PDB file of N, CA and C in Angstrom:
ATOM      1  N   MET A   1     -13.126 -78.955 -21.712  1.00  0.00           N
ATOM      2  CA  MET A   1     -13.913 -80.150 -21.573  1.00  0.00           C
ATOM      3  C   MET A   1     -13.957 -80.938 -22.889  1.00  0.00           C
ATOM      4  N   VAL A   2     -14.051 -80.230 -23.982  1.00  0.00           N
ATOM      5  CA  VAL A   2     -14.084 -80.894 -25.287  1.00  0.00           C
ATOM      6  C   VAL A   2     -12.792 -81.666 -25.520  1.00  0.00           C
ATOM      7  N   ALA A   3     -11.662 -81.089 -25.136  1.00  0.00           N
ATOM      8  CA  ALA A   3     -10.378 -81.776 -25.316  1.00  0.00           C
ATOM      9  C   ALA A   3     -10.340 -83.065 -24.501  1.00  0.00           C
ATOM     10  N   HIS A   4     -10.898 -83.043 -23.298  1.00  0.00           N
ATOM     11  CA  HIS A   4     -10.945 -84.244 -22.463  1.00  0.00           C
ATOM     12  C   HIS A   4     -11.792 -85.322 -23.143  1.00  0.00           C
ATOM     13  N   CYS A   5     -12.937 -84.925 -23.652  1.00  0.00           N
ATOM     14  CA  CYS A   5     -13.807 -85.877 -24.359  1.00  0.00           C
ATOM     15  C   CYS A   5     -13.116 -86.420 -25.603  1.00  0.00           C
ATOM     16  N   ASP A   6     -12.408 -85.555 -26.315  1.00  0.00           N
ATOM     17  CA  ASP A   6     -11.659 -86.008 -27.497  1.00  0.00           C
ATOM     18  C   ASP A   6     -10.605 -87.042 -27.116  1.00  0.00           C
ATOM     19  N   ARG A   7      -9.885 -86.793 -26.027  1.00  0.00           N
ATOM     20  CA  ARG A   7      -8.876 -87.756 -25.573  1.00  0.00           C
ATOM     21  C   ARG A   7      -9.521 -89.096 -25.232  1.00  0.00           C
ATOM     22  N   LEU A   8     -10.645 -89.034 -24.534  1.00  0.00           N
ATOM     23  CA  LEU A   8     -11.334 -90.264 -24.151  1.00  0.00           C
ATOM     24  C   LEU A   8     -11.804 -91.038 -25.384  1.00  0.00           C
ATOM     25  N   ILE A   9     -12.336 -90.340 -26.366  1.00  0.00           N
ATOM     26  CA  ILE A   9     -12.816 -90.991 -27.591  1.00  0.00           C
ATOM     27  C   ILE A   9     -11.651 -91.597 -28.376  1.00  0.00           C
ATOM     28  N   ILE A  10     -10.566 -90.874 -28.495  1.00  0.00           N
ATOM     29  CA  ILE A  10      -9.402 -91.380 -29.242  1.00  0.00           C
ATOM     30  C   ILE A  10      -8.844 -92.647 -28.585  1.00  0.00           C
ATOM     31  N   VAL A  11      -8.694 -92.611 -27.270  1.00  0.00           N
ATOM     32  CA  VAL A  11      -8.179 -93.784 -26.562  1.00  0.00           C
ATOM     33  C   VAL A  11      -9.171 -94.946 -26.686  1.00  0.00           C
ATOM     34  N   ALA A  12     -10.460 -94.659 -26.589  1.00  0.00           N
ATOM     35  CA  ALA A  12     -11.469 -95.714 -26.700  1.00  0.00           C
ATOM     36  C   ALA A  12     -11.436 -96.366 -28.080  1.00  0.00           C
ATOM     37  N   ILE A  13     -11.288 -95.562 -29.120  1.00  0.00           N
ATOM     38  CA  ILE A  13     -11.203 -96.124 -30.474  1.00  0.00           C
ATOM     39  C   ILE A  13      -9.970 -97.020 -30.598  1.00  0.00           C
ATOM     40  N   ALA A  14      -8.863 -96.585 -30.043  1.00  0.00           N
ATOM     41  CA  ALA A  14      -7.650 -97.416 -30.082  1.00  0.00           C
ATOM     42  C   ALA A  14      -7.881 -98.737 -29.347  1.00  0.00           C
ATOM     43  N   PHE A  15      -8.566 -98.679 -28.201  1.00  0.00           N
ATOM     44  CA  PHE A  15      -8.853 -99.902 -27.453  1.00  0.00           C
ATOM     45  C   PHE A  15      -9.831-100.802 -28.205  1.00  0.00           C
ATOM     46  N   ILE A  16     -10.780-100.228 -28.928  1.00  0.00           N
ATOM     47  CA  ILE A  16     -11.703-101.043 -29.734  1.00  0.00           C
ATOM     48  C   ILE A  16     -10.934-101.802 -30.805  1.00  0.00           C
ATOM     49  N   VAL A  17     -10.021-101.120 -31.473  1.00  0.00           N
ATOM     50  CA  VAL A  17      -9.200-101.782 -32.501  1.00  0.00           C
ATOM     51  C   VAL A  17      -8.403-102.924 -31.869  1.00  0.00           C
ATOM     52  N   LEU A  18      -7.790-102.661 -30.726  1.00  0.00           N
ATOM     53  CA  LEU A  18      -7.048-103.705 -30.022  1.00  0.00           C
ATOM     54  C   LEU A  18      -7.973-104.860 -29.645  1.00  0.00           C
ATOM     55  N   GLY A  19      -9.137-104.535 -29.109  1.00  0.00           N
ATOM     56  CA  GLY A  19     -10.089-105.565 -28.698  1.00  0.00           C
ATOM     57  C   GLY A  19     -10.546-106.431 -29.857  1.00  0.00           C
ATOM     58  N   ILE A  20     -10.803-105.820 -31.008  1.00  0.00           N
ATOM     59  CA  ILE A  20     -11.207-106.583 -32.192  1.00  0.00           C
ATOM     60  C   ILE A  20     -10.103-107.546 -32.599  1.00  0.00           C
ATOM     61  N   PHE A  21      -8.879-107.093 -32.511  1.00  0.00           N
ATOM     62  CA  PHE A  21      -7.735-107.941 -32.853  1.00  0.00           C
ATOM     63  C   PHE A  21      -7.617-109.134 -31.897  1.00  0.00           C
ATOM     64  N   LEU A  22      -7.965-108.930 -30.621  1.00  0.00           N
ATOM     65  CA  LEU A  22      -7.759-109.952 -29.595  1.00  0.00           C
ATOM     66  C   LEU A  22      -8.967-110.832 -29.309  1.00  0.00           C
ATOM     67  N   MET A  23     -10.168-110.414 -29.671  1.00  0.00           N
ATOM     68  CA  MET A  23     -11.382-111.074 -29.201  1.00  0.00           C
ATOM     69  C   MET A  23     -11.547-112.510 -29.681  1.00  0.00           C
ATOM     70  N   ARG A  24     -10.934-112.888 -30.765  1.00  0.00           N
ATOM     71  CA  ARG A  24     -11.089-114.256 -31.288  1.00  0.00           C
ATOM     72  C   ARG A  24     -10.020-115.216 -30.773  1.00  0.00           C
ATOM     73  N   ARG A  25      -9.152-114.715 -29.945  1.00  0.00           N
ATOM     74  CA  ARG A  25      -8.098-115.578 -29.379  1.00  0.00           C
ATOM     75  C   ARG A  25      -8.665-116.355 -28.198  1.00  0.00           C
ATOM     76  N   PRO A  26      -8.002-117.433 -27.808  1.00  0.00           N
ATOM     77  CA  PRO A  26      -8.500-118.195 -26.650  1.00  0.00           C
ATOM     78  C   PRO A  26      -8.384-117.376 -25.366  1.00  0.00           C
ATOM     79  N   ASP A  27      -9.201-117.742 -24.396  1.00  0.00           N
ATOM     80  CA  ASP A  27      -9.151-117.050 -23.111  1.00  0.00           C
ATOM     81  C   ASP A  27      -7.820-117.321 -22.427  1.00  0.00           C
ATOM     82  N   PRO A  28      -7.309-116.383 -21.675  1.00  0.00           N
ATOM     83  CA  PRO A  28      -7.883-115.131 -21.210  1.00  0.00           C
ATOM     84  C   PRO A  28      -7.750-113.964 -22.188  1.00  0.00           C
ATOM     85  N   VAL A  29      -7.000-114.118 -23.262  1.00  0.00           N
ATOM     86  CA  VAL A  29      -6.782-113.008 -24.196  1.00  0.00           C
ATOM     87  C   VAL A  29      -8.087-112.607 -24.881  1.00  0.00           C
ATOM     88  N   GLY A  30      -8.884-113.590 -25.281  1.00  0.00           N
ATOM     89  CA  GLY A  30     -10.150-113.290 -25.949  1.00  0.00           C
ATOM     90  C   GLY A  30     -11.111-112.522 -25.062  1.00  0.00           C
ATOM     91  N   SER A  31     -11.220-112.933 -23.806  1.00  0.00           N
ATOM     92  CA  SER A  31     -12.120-112.219 -22.897  1.00  0.00           C
ATOM     93  C   SER A  31     -11.601-110.815 -22.589  1.00  0.00           C
ATOM     94  N   PHE A  32     -10.282-110.651 -22.582  1.00  0.00           N
ATOM     95  CA  PHE A  32      -9.712-109.302 -22.455  1.00  0.00           C
ATOM     96  C   PHE A  32     -10.187-108.439 -23.624  1.00  0.00           C
ATOM     97  N   GLY A  33     -10.149-108.998 -24.841  1.00  0.00           N
ATOM     98  CA  GLY A  33     -10.585-108.252 -26.019  1.00  0.00           C
ATOM     99  C   GLY A  33     -12.046-107.857 -25.940  1.00  0.00           C
ATOM    100  N   TRP A  34     -12.912-108.810 -25.584  1.00  0.00           N
ATOM    101  CA  TRP A  34     -14.344-108.510 -25.495  1.00  0.00           C
ATOM    102  C   TRP A  34     -14.635-107.455 -24.427  1.00  0.00           C
ATOM    103  N   MET A  35     -14.042-107.605 -23.258  1.00  0.00           N
ATOM    104  CA  MET A  35     -14.290-106.645 -22.180  1.00  0.00           C
ATOM    105  C   MET A  35     -13.763-105.261 -22.556  1.00  0.00           C
ATOM    106  N   THR A  36     -12.635-105.226 -23.237  1.00  0.00           N
ATOM    107  CA  THR A  36     -12.058-103.950 -23.667  1.00  0.00           C
ATOM    108  C   THR A  36     -12.980-103.247 -24.660  1.00  0.00           C
ATOM    109  N   ILE A  37     -13.547-103.992 -25.583  1.00  0.00           N
ATOM    110  CA  ILE A  37     -14.490-103.403 -26.536  1.00  0.00           C
ATOM    111  C   ILE A  37     -15.702-102.846 -25.794  1.00  0.00           C
ATOM    112  N   GLY A  38     -16.243-103.618 -24.867  1.00  0.00           N
ATOM    113  CA  GLY A  38     -17.419-103.163 -24.110  1.00  0.00           C
ATOM    114  C   GLY A  38     -17.163-101.882 -23.343  1.00  0.00           C
ATOM    115  N   TRP A  39     -16.062-101.830 -22.611  1.00  0.00           N
ATOM    116  CA  TRP A  39     -15.721-100.626 -21.855  1.00  0.00           C
ATOM    117  C   TRP A  39     -15.526 -99.433 -22.792  1.00  0.00           C
ATOM    118  N   SER A  40     -14.899 -99.667 -23.911  1.00  0.00           N
ATOM    119  CA  SER A  40     -14.594 -98.572 -24.835  1.00  0.00           C
ATOM    120  C   SER A  40     -15.853 -98.005 -25.465  1.00  0.00           C
ATOM    121  N   VAL A  41     -16.799 -98.865 -25.794  1.00  0.00           N
ATOM    122  CA  VAL A  41     -18.071 -98.384 -26.344  1.00  0.00           C
ATOM    123  C   VAL A  41     -18.785 -97.513 -25.303  1.00  0.00           C
ATOM    124  N   VAL A  42     -18.807 -97.959 -24.059  1.00  0.00           N
ATOM    125  CA  VAL A  42     -19.433 -97.165 -22.992  1.00  0.00           C
ATOM    126  C   VAL A  42     -18.706 -95.826 -22.827  1.00  0.00           C
ATOM    127  N   ASN A  43     -17.374 -95.845 -22.863  1.00  0.00           N
ATOM    128  CA  ASN A  43     -16.618 -94.592 -22.732  1.00  0.00           C
ATOM    129  C   ASN A  43     -16.962 -93.610 -23.851  1.00  0.00           C
ATOM    130  N   ILE A  44     -17.114 -94.119 -25.066  1.00  0.00           N
ATOM    131  CA  ILE A  44     -17.495 -93.242 -26.174  1.00  0.00           C
ATOM    132  C   ILE A  44     -18.891 -92.681 -25.952  1.00  0.00           C
ATOM    133  N   LEU A  45     -19.817 -93.511 -25.497  1.00  0.00           N
ATOM    134  CA  LEU A  45     -21.185 -93.040 -25.250  1.00  0.00           C
ATOM    135  C   LEU A  45     -21.229 -91.995 -24.137  1.00  0.00           C
ATOM    136  N   ILE A  46     -20.325 -92.103 -23.187  1.00  0.00           N
ATOM    137  CA  ILE A  46     -20.250 -91.095 -22.117  1.00  0.00           C
ATOM    138  C   ILE A  46     -19.618 -89.808 -22.639  1.00  0.00           C
ATOM    139  N   ALA A  47     -18.608 -89.924 -23.491  1.00  0.00           N
ATOM    140  CA  ALA A  47     -17.865 -88.754 -23.965  1.00  0.00           C
ATOM    141  C   ALA A  47     -18.604 -87.964 -25.043  1.00  0.00           C
ATOM    142  N   LEU A  48     -19.413 -88.624 -25.846  1.00  0.00           N
ATOM    143  CA  LEU A  48     -20.063 -87.924 -26.966  1.00  0.00           C
ATOM    144  C   LEU A  48     -20.933 -86.743 -26.546  1.00  0.00           C
ATOM    145  N   PRO A  49     -21.785 -86.859 -25.521  1.00  0.00           N
ATOM    146  CA  PRO A  49     -22.575 -85.676 -25.134  1.00  0.00           C
ATOM    147  C   PRO A  49     -21.698 -84.496 -24.706  1.00  0.00           C
ATOM    148  N   GLY A  50     -20.620 -84.779 -23.985  1.00  0.00           N
ATOM    149  CA  GLY A  50     -19.697 -83.704 -23.594  1.00  0.00           C
ATOM    150  C   GLY A  50     -19.001 -83.103 -24.797  1.00  0.00           C
ATOM    151  N   ARG A  51     -18.728 -83.925 -25.764  1.00  0.00           N
ATOM    152  CA  ARG A  51     -18.074 -83.453 -27.000  1.00  0.00           C
ATOM    153  C   ARG A  51     -19.013 -82.569 -27.808  1.00  0.00           C
ATOM    154  N   MET A  52     -20.288 -82.901 -27.788  1.00  0.00           N
ATOM    155  CA  MET A  52     -21.271 -82.156 -28.582  1.00  0.00           C
ATOM    156  C   MET A  52     -21.794 -80.909 -27.862  1.00  0.00           C
ATOM    157  N   ASN A  53     -21.465 -80.758 -26.580  1.00  0.00           N
ATOM    158  CA  ASN A  53     -21.905 -79.591 -25.818  1.00  0.00           C
ATOM    159  C   ASN A  53     -20.685 -78.866 -25.254  1.00  0.00           C
ATOM    160  N   PRO A  54     -20.024 -78.054 -26.066  1.00  0.00           N
ATOM    161  CA  PRO A  54     -18.791 -77.397 -25.614  1.00  0.00           C
ATOM    162  C   PRO A  54     -19.025 -76.303 -24.569  1.00  0.00           C
ATOM    163  N   LYS A  55     -20.269 -76.013 -24.211  1.00  0.00           N
ATOM    164  CA  LYS A  55     -20.550 -74.946 -23.250  1.00  0.00           C
ATOM    165  C   LYS A  55     -20.346 -75.377 -21.800  1.00  0.00           C
ATOM    166  N   VAL A  56     -20.128 -76.653 -21.567  1.00  0.00           N
ATOM    167  CA  VAL A  56     -19.929 -77.133 -20.197  1.00  0.00           C
ATOM    168  C   VAL A  56     -18.617 -76.569 -19.665  1.00  0.00           C
ATOM    169  N   ASP A  57     -18.700 -75.922 -18.518  1.00  0.00           N
ATOM    170  CA  ASP A  57     -17.519 -75.350 -17.872  1.00  0.00           C
ATOM    171  C   ASP A  57     -16.879 -76.410 -16.977  1.00  0.00           C
ATOM    172  N   PRO A  58     -15.656 -76.843 -17.287  1.00  0.00           N
ATOM    173  CA  PRO A  58     -15.012 -77.881 -16.478  1.00  0.00           C
ATOM    174  C   PRO A  58     -14.900 -77.510 -15.010  1.00  0.00           C
ATOM    175  N   MET A  59     -14.844 -76.222 -14.692  1.00  0.00           N
ATOM    176  CA  MET A  59     -14.701 -75.799 -13.301  1.00  0.00           C
ATOM    177  C   MET A  59     -15.923 -76.156 -12.465  1.00  0.00           C
ATOM    178  N   THR A  60     -17.052 -76.462 -13.122  1.00  0.00           N
ATOM    179  CA  THR A  60     -18.277 -76.777 -12.382  1.00  0.00           C
ATOM    180  C   THR A  60     -18.425 -78.270 -12.106  1.00  0.00           C
ATOM    181  N   ILE A  61     -17.517 -79.080 -12.597  1.00  0.00           N
ATOM    182  CA  ILE A  61     -17.665 -80.522 -12.431  1.00  0.00           C
ATOM    183  C   ILE A  61     -16.581 -81.125 -11.543  1.00  0.00           C
ATOM    184  N   ASP A  62     -15.898 -80.299 -10.755  1.00  0.00           N
ATOM    185  CA  ASP A  62     -14.787 -80.816  -9.959  1.00  0.00           C
ATOM    186  C   ASP A  62     -15.234 -81.870  -8.948  1.00  0.00           C
ATOM    187  N   ASP A  63     -16.392 -81.691  -8.309  1.00  0.00           N
ATOM    188  CA  ASP A  63     -16.879 -82.688  -7.351  1.00  0.00           C
ATOM    189  C   ASP A  63     -17.225 -83.999  -8.054  1.00  0.00           C
ATOM    190  N   LEU A  64     -17.879 -83.903  -9.190  1.00  0.00           N
ATOM    191  CA  LEU A  64     -18.213 -85.095  -9.961  1.00  0.00           C
ATOM    192  C   LEU A  64     -16.945 -85.814 -10.421  1.00  0.00           C
ATOM    193  N   LEU A  65     -15.963 -85.056 -10.837  1.00  0.00           N
ATOM    194  CA  LEU A  65     -14.709 -85.645 -11.296  1.00  0.00           C
ATOM    195  C   LEU A  65     -13.955 -86.316 -10.141  1.00  0.00           C
ATOM    196  N   ALA A  66     -13.993 -85.708  -8.956  1.00  0.00           N
ATOM    197  CA  ALA A  66     -13.359 -86.325  -7.782  1.00  0.00           C
ATOM    198  C   ALA A  66     -14.049 -87.652  -7.451  1.00  0.00           C
ATOM    199  N   PHE A  67     -15.368 -87.680  -7.522  1.00  0.00           N
ATOM    200  CA  PHE A  67     -16.112 -88.925  -7.306  1.00  0.00           C
ATOM    201  C   PHE A  67     -15.726 -89.963  -8.357  1.00  0.00           C
ATOM    202  N   ASN A  68     -15.616 -89.525  -9.596  1.00  0.00           N
ATOM    203  CA  ASN A  68     -15.232 -90.402 -10.693  1.00  0.00           C
ATOM    204  C   ASN A  68     -13.843 -91.002 -10.466  1.00  0.00           C
ATOM    205  N   LEU A  69     -12.921 -90.211  -9.937  1.00  0.00           N
ATOM    206  CA  LEU A  69     -11.582 -90.730  -9.631  1.00  0.00           C
ATOM    207  C   LEU A  69     -11.669 -91.876  -8.619  1.00  0.00           C
ATOM    208  N   GLY A  70     -12.547 -91.727  -7.634  1.00  0.00           N
ATOM    209  CA  GLY A  70     -12.756 -92.803  -6.671  1.00  0.00           C
ATOM    210  C   GLY A  70     -13.324 -94.052  -7.334  1.00  0.00           C
ATOM    211  N   LEU A  71     -14.261 -93.856  -8.261  1.00  0.00           N
ATOM    212  CA  LEU A  71     -14.802 -94.997  -9.008  1.00  0.00           C
ATOM    213  C   LEU A  71     -13.718 -95.695  -9.822  1.00  0.00           C
ATOM    214  N   ASN A  72     -12.825 -94.910 -10.405  1.00  0.00           N
ATOM    215  CA  ASN A  72     -11.747 -95.498 -11.198  1.00  0.00           C
ATOM    216  C   ASN A  72     -10.857 -96.394 -10.343  1.00  0.00           C
ATOM    217  N   VAL A  73     -10.587 -95.961  -9.125  1.00  0.00           N
ATOM    218  CA  VAL A  73      -9.808 -96.791  -8.196  1.00  0.00           C
ATOM    219  C   VAL A  73     -10.591 -98.067  -7.872  1.00  0.00           C
ATOM    220  N   ALA A  74     -11.903 -97.939  -7.700  1.00  0.00           N
ATOM    221  CA  ALA A  74     -12.739 -99.110  -7.428  1.00  0.00           C
ATOM    222  C   ALA A  74     -12.718-100.082  -8.615  1.00  0.00           C
ATOM    223  N   TYR A  75     -12.729 -99.552  -9.844  1.00  0.00           N
ATOM    224  CA  TYR A  75     -12.649-100.427 -11.023  1.00  0.00           C
ATOM    225  C   TYR A  75     -11.366-101.256 -10.986  1.00  0.00           C
ATOM    226  N   VAL A  76     -10.271-100.608 -10.648  1.00  0.00           N
ATOM    227  CA  VAL A  76      -8.996-101.325 -10.572  1.00  0.00           C
ATOM    228  C   VAL A  76      -9.068-102.411  -9.501  1.00  0.00           C
ATOM    229  N   ALA A  77      -9.644-102.093  -8.354  1.00  0.00           N
ATOM    230  CA  ALA A  77      -9.761-103.081  -7.269  1.00  0.00           C
ATOM    231  C   ALA A  77     -10.632-104.262  -7.689  1.00  0.00           C
ATOM    232  N   VAL A  78     -11.740-103.993  -8.371  1.00  0.00           N
ATOM    233  CA  VAL A  78     -12.593-105.079  -8.853  1.00  0.00           C
ATOM    234  C   VAL A  78     -11.838-105.924  -9.874  1.00  0.00           C
ATOM    235  N   GLY A  79     -11.118-105.267 -10.771  1.00  0.00           N
ATOM    236  CA  GLY A  79     -10.329-105.995 -11.764  1.00  0.00           C
ATOM    237  C   GLY A  79      -9.291-106.893 -11.124  1.00  0.00           C
ATOM    238  N   ILE A  80      -8.639-106.399 -10.072  1.00  0.00           N
ATOM    239  CA  ILE A  80      -7.650-107.218  -9.359  1.00  0.00           C
ATOM    240  C   ILE A  80      -8.330-108.433  -8.724  1.00  0.00           C
ATOM    241  N   SER A  81      -9.509-108.221  -8.153  1.00  0.00           N
ATOM    242  CA  SER A  81     -10.251-109.339  -7.567  1.00  0.00           C
ATOM    243  C   SER A  81     -10.592-110.385  -8.621  1.00  0.00           C
ATOM    244  N   LEU A  82     -11.061-109.945  -9.784  1.00  0.00           N
ATOM    245  CA  LEU A  82     -11.381-110.881 -10.862  1.00  0.00           C
ATOM    246  C   LEU A  82     -10.133-111.626 -11.330  1.00  0.00           C
ATOM    247  N   LEU A  83      -9.028-110.915 -11.408  1.00  0.00           N
ATOM    248  CA  LEU A  83      -7.772-111.522 -11.838  1.00  0.00           C
ATOM    249  C   LEU A  83      -7.314-112.609 -10.865  1.00  0.00           C
ATOM    250  N   VAL A  84      -7.428-112.323  -9.590  1.00  0.00           N
ATOM    251  CA  VAL A  84      -6.938-113.248  -8.564  1.00  0.00           C
ATOM    252  C   VAL A  84      -7.888-114.441  -8.371  1.00  0.00           C
ATOM    253  N   LEU A  85      -9.183-114.193  -8.439  1.00  0.00           N
ATOM    254  CA  LEU A  85     -10.151-115.216  -8.051  1.00  0.00           C
ATOM    255  C   LEU A  85     -10.781-115.980  -9.204  1.00  0.00           C
ATOM    256  N   GLY A  86     -10.598-115.528 -10.429  1.00  0.00           N
ATOM    257  CA  GLY A  86     -11.370-116.079 -11.531  1.00  0.00           C
ATOM    258  C   GLY A  86     -10.713-117.208 -12.307  1.00  0.00           C
ATOM    259  N   ASN A  87     -11.530-117.812 -13.168  1.00  0.00           N
ATOM    260  CA  ASN A  87     -11.035-118.784 -14.138  1.00  0.00           C
ATOM    261  C   ASN A  87     -10.368-118.006 -15.270  1.00  0.00           C
ATOM    262  N   PRO A  88      -9.802-118.664 -16.283  1.00  0.00           N
ATOM    263  CA  PRO A  88      -9.095-117.920 -17.340  1.00  0.00           C
ATOM    264  C   PRO A  88      -9.944-116.831 -18.018  1.00  0.00           C
ATOM    265  N   ARG A  89     -11.212-117.111 -18.278  1.00  0.00           N
ATOM    266  CA  ARG A  89     -12.073-116.103 -18.914  1.00  0.00           C
ATOM    267  C   ARG A  89     -12.255-114.897 -18.003  1.00  0.00           C
ATOM    268  N   VAL A  90     -12.517-115.157 -16.745  1.00  0.00           N
ATOM    269  CA  VAL A  90     -12.725-114.072 -15.783  1.00  0.00           C
ATOM    270  C   VAL A  90     -11.428-113.302 -15.555  1.00  0.00           C
ATOM    271  N   ARG A  91     -10.309-114.005 -15.522  1.00  0.00           N
ATOM    272  CA  ARG A  91      -9.018-113.320 -15.341  1.00  0.00           C
ATOM    273  C   ARG A  91      -8.737-112.371 -16.502  1.00  0.00           C
ATOM    274  N   GLY A  92      -9.032-112.797 -17.725  1.00  0.00           N
ATOM    275  CA  GLY A  92      -8.841-111.913 -18.879  1.00  0.00           C
ATOM    276  C   GLY A  92      -9.704-110.674 -18.783  1.00  0.00           C
ATOM    277  N   ALA A  93     -10.956-110.859 -18.380  1.00  0.00           N
ATOM    278  CA  ALA A  93     -11.845-109.712 -18.194  1.00  0.00           C
ATOM    279  C   ALA A  93     -11.337-108.820 -17.066  1.00  0.00           C
ATOM    280  N   GLY A  94     -10.811-109.430 -16.014  1.00  0.00           N
ATOM    281  CA  GLY A  94     -10.269-108.651 -14.893  1.00  0.00           C
ATOM    282  C   GLY A  94      -9.098-107.781 -15.313  1.00  0.00           C
ATOM    283  N   ILE A  95      -8.228-108.332 -16.146  1.00  0.00           N
ATOM    284  CA  ILE A  95      -7.103-107.527 -16.645  1.00  0.00           C
ATOM    285  C   ILE A  95      -7.621-106.345 -17.449  1.00  0.00           C
ATOM    286  N   ALA A  96      -8.664-106.574 -18.264  1.00  0.00           N
ATOM    287  CA  ALA A  96      -9.244-105.483 -19.053  1.00  0.00           C
ATOM    288  C   ALA A  96      -9.835-104.407 -18.145  1.00  0.00           C
ATOM    289  N   VAL A  97     -10.491-104.814 -17.065  1.00  0.00           N
ATOM    290  CA  VAL A  97     -11.068-103.841 -16.122  1.00  0.00           C
ATOM    291  C   VAL A  97      -9.950-103.039 -15.453  1.00  0.00           C
ATOM    292  N   ILE A  98      -8.854-103.692 -15.107  1.00  0.00           N
ATOM    293  CA  ILE A  98      -7.714-102.983 -14.518  1.00  0.00           C
ATOM    294  C   ILE A  98      -7.167-101.952 -15.512  1.00  0.00           C
ATOM    295  N   VAL A  99      -6.965-102.375 -16.741  1.00  0.00           N
ATOM    296  CA  VAL A  99      -6.415-101.469 -17.767  1.00  0.00           C
ATOM    297  C   VAL A  99      -7.347-100.282 -17.980  1.00  0.00           C
ATOM    298  N   GLN A 100      -8.654-100.541 -18.085  1.00  0.00           N
ATOM    299  CA  GLN A 100      -9.594 -99.436 -18.293  1.00  0.00           C
ATOM    300  C   GLN A 100      -9.657 -98.524 -17.065  1.00  0.00           C
ATOM    301  N   GLY A 101      -9.618 -99.109 -15.877  1.00  0.00           N
ATOM    302  CA  GLY A 101      -9.632 -98.291 -14.666  1.00  0.00           C
ATOM    303  C   GLY A 101      -8.420 -97.374 -14.579  1.00  0.00           C
ATOM    304  N   VAL A 102      -7.258 -97.907 -14.909  1.00  0.00           N
ATOM    305  CA  VAL A 102      -6.035 -97.090 -14.900  1.00  0.00           C
ATOM    306  C   VAL A 102      -6.109 -96.019 -15.986  1.00  0.00           C
ATOM    307  N   ASN A 103      -6.589 -96.396 -17.158  1.00  0.00           N
ATOM    308  CA  ASN A 103      -6.747 -95.445 -18.257  1.00  0.00           C
ATOM    309  C   ASN A 103      -7.639 -94.272 -17.832  1.00  0.00           C
ATOM    310  N   LEU A 104      -8.793 -94.588 -17.252  1.00  0.00           N
ATOM    311  CA  LEU A 104      -9.714 -93.532 -16.825  1.00  0.00           C
ATOM    312  C   LEU A 104      -9.131 -92.733 -15.659  1.00  0.00           C
ATOM    313  N   LEU A 105      -8.394 -93.394 -14.783  1.00  0.00           N
ATOM    314  CA  LEU A 105      -7.753 -92.693 -13.674  1.00  0.00           C
ATOM    315  C   LEU A 105      -6.755 -91.661 -14.190  1.00  0.00           C
ATOM    316  N   VAL A 106      -5.985 -92.020 -15.195  1.00  0.00           N
ATOM    317  CA  VAL A 106      -5.006 -91.091 -15.773  1.00  0.00           C
ATOM    318  C   VAL A 106      -5.713 -89.936 -16.485  1.00  0.00           C
ATOM    319  N   LEU A 107      -6.691 -90.259 -17.335  1.00  0.00           N
ATOM    320  CA  LEU A 107      -7.387 -89.196 -18.077  1.00  0.00           C
ATOM    321  C   LEU A 107      -8.140 -88.252 -17.145  1.00  0.00           C
ATOM    322  N   ASP A 108      -8.911 -88.826 -16.210  1.00  0.00           N
ATOM    323  CA  ASP A 108      -9.665 -87.986 -15.282  1.00  0.00           C
ATOM    324  C   ASP A 108      -8.745 -87.251 -14.315  1.00  0.00           C
ATOM    325  N   GLY A 109      -7.663 -87.903 -13.899  1.00  0.00           N
ATOM    326  CA  GLY A 109      -6.702 -87.248 -13.011  1.00  0.00           C
ATOM    327  C   GLY A 109      -6.042 -86.056 -13.669  1.00  0.00           C
ATOM    328  N   TYR A 110      -5.749 -86.196 -14.952  1.00  0.00           N
ATOM    329  CA  TYR A 110      -5.165 -85.071 -15.698  1.00  0.00           C
ATOM    330  C   TYR A 110      -6.130 -83.888 -15.733  1.00  0.00           C
ATOM    331  N   LEU A 111      -7.392 -84.153 -16.067  1.00  0.00           N
ATOM    332  CA  LEU A 111      -8.380 -83.061 -16.105  1.00  0.00           C
ATOM    333  C   LEU A 111      -8.583 -82.472 -14.713  1.00  0.00           C
ATOM    334  N   TYR A 112      -8.667 -83.326 -13.710  1.00  0.00           N
ATOM    335  CA  TYR A 112      -8.869 -82.835 -12.340  1.00  0.00           C
ATOM    336  C   TYR A 112      -7.714 -81.955 -11.889  1.00  0.00           C
ATOM    337  N   SER A 113      -6.488 -82.348 -12.229  1.00  0.00           N
ATOM    338  CA  SER A 113      -5.331 -81.538 -11.830  1.00  0.00           C
ATOM    339  C   SER A 113      -5.350 -80.182 -12.525  1.00  0.00           C
ATOM    340  N   LYS A 114      -5.820 -80.142 -13.770  1.00  0.00           N
ATOM    341  CA  LYS A 114      -5.927 -78.861 -14.478  1.00  0.00           C
ATOM    342  C   LYS A 114      -6.993 -77.973 -13.853  1.00  0.00           C
ATOM    343  N   ILE A 115      -8.096 -78.570 -13.432  1.00  0.00           N
ATOM    344  CA  ILE A 115      -9.179 -77.806 -12.810  1.00  0.00           C
ATOM    345  C   ILE A 115      -8.737 -77.271 -11.459  1.00  0.00           C
ATOM    346  N   VAL A 116      -8.130 -78.101 -10.643  1.00  0.00           N
ATOM    347  CA  VAL A 116      -7.713 -77.707  -9.293  1.00  0.00           C
ATOM    348  C   VAL A 116      -6.625 -76.643  -9.331  1.00  0.00           C
ATOM    349  N   SER A 117      -5.721 -76.745 -10.300  1.00  0.00           N
ATOM    350  CA  SER A 117      -4.627 -75.771 -10.385  1.00  0.00           C
ATOM    351  C   SER A 117      -5.057 -74.449 -11.004  1.00  0.00           C
ATOM    352  N   GLY A 118      -6.280 -74.412 -11.464  1.00  0.00           N
ATOM    353  CA  GLY A 118      -6.818 -73.144 -11.956  1.00  0.00           C
ATOM    354  C   GLY A 118      -6.708 -73.003 -13.410  1.00  0.00           C
TER     355      GLY A 118
END
């Protein structure tokens, strides 16, 4: 579980750096940067308690992780909706939501596959 939290934190820090680089650009790139920073800060806040409590057994969170995978798919769907229906600012934010949803889908899917396979 700690390794999963470490991966999430490392990726989030990389996205924060990217977001800082992009946030001052005109929309849709600027809004992509801001949304990416916001998502990454939340991801770090979610990962830190798991990182600080290494006693959590990943085998006990398989149902929660399966639910989370469904949420990740929903994030991608919402991002696609924002991309298709929005103005330039909203489209940039939608792309960021898609990227974060896919990122979380990959990270959580990797952990889920390790848990399910034993």
